[in-house]
Amino acid sequence: MQVTVDVKGETTHEVDLPEPTYADLLAAVDLSPHEVSVLVDGRPVPEDQPVESSEVTVLRLIKGG
């Protein structure tokens, strides 16, 4: 399945994986589920869910103190 992964504020990647989960997409673009949220149509999705959309948005989480 070919998926466009838009990392907001950074780059857009085209990823082609057979039957990926959202965690698989993150690994393909060198990101950890612990540092980002994956959104489909503006709504967060669990990283262990199978990908059902051809476009996803990735937002980096902000840490601070």
C-alpha atoms as a PDB file:
ATOM      1  CA  MET A   1       0.000   0.000   0.000  1.00  0.00           C
ATOM      2  CA  GLN A   2       1.353   3.413  -0.936  1.00  0.00           C
ATOM      3  CA  VAL A   3       0.821   6.091   1.725  1.00  0.00           C
ATOM      4  CA  THR A   4       1.746   9.766   1.830  1.00  0.00           C
ATOM      5  CA  VAL A   5       3.144  10.660   5.271  1.00  0.00           C
ATOM      6  CA  ASP A   6       3.096  14.417   5.900  1.00  0.00           C
ATOM      7  CA  VAL A   7       5.321  15.308   8.870  1.00  0.00           C
ATOM      8  CA  LYS A   8       3.974  18.777   9.710  1.00  0.00           C
ATOM      9  CA  GLY A   9       6.609  21.501   9.592  1.00  0.00           C
ATOM     10  CA  GLU A  10       9.124  19.127   8.035  1.00  0.00           C
ATOM     11  CA  THR A  11       8.881  16.877   4.976  1.00  0.00           C
ATOM     12  CA  THR A  12       6.439  14.663   3.142  1.00  0.00           C
ATOM     13  CA  HIS A  13       7.321  11.027   2.478  1.00  0.00           C
ATOM     14  CA  GLU A  14       5.899   8.459   0.079  1.00  0.00           C
ATOM     15  CA  VAL A  15       5.932   5.058   1.796  1.00  0.00           C
ATOM     16  CA  ASP A  16       5.091   1.758   0.094  1.00  0.00           C
ATOM     17  CA  LEU A  17       4.613  -1.184   2.488  1.00  0.00           C
ATOM     18  CA  PRO A  18       2.453  -4.312   2.309  1.00  0.00           C
ATOM     19  CA  GLU A  19      -0.370  -4.188   4.914  1.00  0.00           C
ATOM     20  CA  PRO A  20       1.301  -1.636   7.227  1.00  0.00           C
ATOM     21  CA  THR A  21       0.265  -0.414  10.650  1.00  0.00           C
ATOM     22  CA  TYR A  22       0.722   3.224  11.573  1.00  0.00           C
ATOM     23  CA  ALA A  23       3.777   2.195  13.626  1.00  0.00           C
ATOM     24  CA  ASP A  24       5.257   0.639  10.450  1.00  0.00           C
ATOM     25  CA  LEU A  25       4.822   3.987   8.669  1.00  0.00           C
ATOM     26  CA  LEU A  26       6.574   5.805  11.491  1.00  0.00           C
ATOM     27  CA  ALA A  27       9.474   3.355  11.439  1.00  0.00           C
ATOM     28  CA  ALA A  28       9.782   3.808   7.660  1.00  0.00           C
ATOM     29  CA  VAL A  29      10.312   7.561   8.144  1.00  0.00           C
ATOM     30  CA  ASP A  30      12.582   7.164  11.196  1.00  0.00           C
ATOM     31  CA  LEU A  31      10.127   8.354  13.865  1.00  0.00           C
ATOM     32  CA  SER A  32       9.076   6.794  17.169  1.00  0.00           C
ATOM     33  CA  PRO A  33       5.429   6.547  18.303  1.00  0.00           C
ATOM     34  CA  HIS A  34       6.650   8.052  21.587  1.00  0.00           C
ATOM     35  CA  GLU A  35       7.567  11.361  19.935  1.00  0.00           C
ATOM     36  CA  VAL A  36       4.648  11.903  17.529  1.00  0.00           C
ATOM     37  CA  SER A  37       0.895  11.582  17.027  1.00  0.00           C
ATOM     38  CA  VAL A  38      -0.533  10.151  13.818  1.00  0.00           C
ATOM     39  CA  LEU A  39      -3.686  11.796  12.454  1.00  0.00           C
ATOM     40  CA  VAL A  40      -6.098  10.680   9.753  1.00  0.00           C
ATOM     41  CA  ASP A  41      -8.650  13.286   8.690  1.00  0.00           C
ATOM     42  CA  GLY A  42      -7.598  15.367  11.707  1.00  0.00           C
ATOM     43  CA  ARG A  43      -8.255  12.590  14.227  1.00  0.00           C
ATOM     44  CA  PRO A  44      -5.606  10.609  16.128  1.00  0.00           C
ATOM     45  CA  VAL A  45      -5.259   6.910  15.356  1.00  0.00           C
ATOM     46  CA  PRO A  46      -3.589   4.146  17.425  1.00  0.00           C
ATOM     47  CA  GLU A  47      -0.180   3.190  16.057  1.00  0.00           C
ATOM     48  CA  ASP A  48      -1.029  -0.541  16.158  1.00  0.00           C
ATOM     49  CA  GLN A  49      -4.055  -0.102  13.883  1.00  0.00           C
ATOM     50  CA  PRO A  50      -3.819  -1.203  10.226  1.00  0.00           C
ATOM     51  CA  VAL A  51      -3.474   1.705   7.800  1.00  0.00           C
ATOM     52  CA  GLU A  52      -6.738   2.389   5.977  1.00  0.00           C
ATOM     53  CA  SER A  53      -5.938   5.772   4.443  1.00  0.00           C
ATOM     54  CA  SER A  54      -3.620   6.801   1.618  1.00  0.00           C
ATOM     55  CA  GLU A  55      -2.671  10.027   3.448  1.00  0.00           C
ATOM     56  CA  VAL A  56      -1.672  10.542   7.073  1.00  0.00           C
ATOM     57  CA  THR A  57      -0.415  13.545   9.020  1.00  0.00           C
ATOM     58  CA  VAL A  58       2.262  13.243  11.696  1.00  0.00           C
ATOM     59  CA  LEU A  59       2.632  15.840  14.456  1.00  0.00           C
ATOM     60  CA  ARG A  60       5.707  15.955  16.688  1.00  0.00           C
ATOM     61  CA  LEU A  61       4.884  16.119  20.377  1.00  0.00           C
ATOM     62  CA  ILE A  62       6.414  18.994  22.322  1.00  0.00           C
ATOM     63  CA  LYS A  63       8.255  18.312  25.542  1.00  0.00           C
ATOM     64  CA  GLY A  64       9.110  20.981  28.009  1.00  0.00           C
ATOM     65  CA  GLY A  65       9.573  21.748  31.599  1.00  0.00           C
END
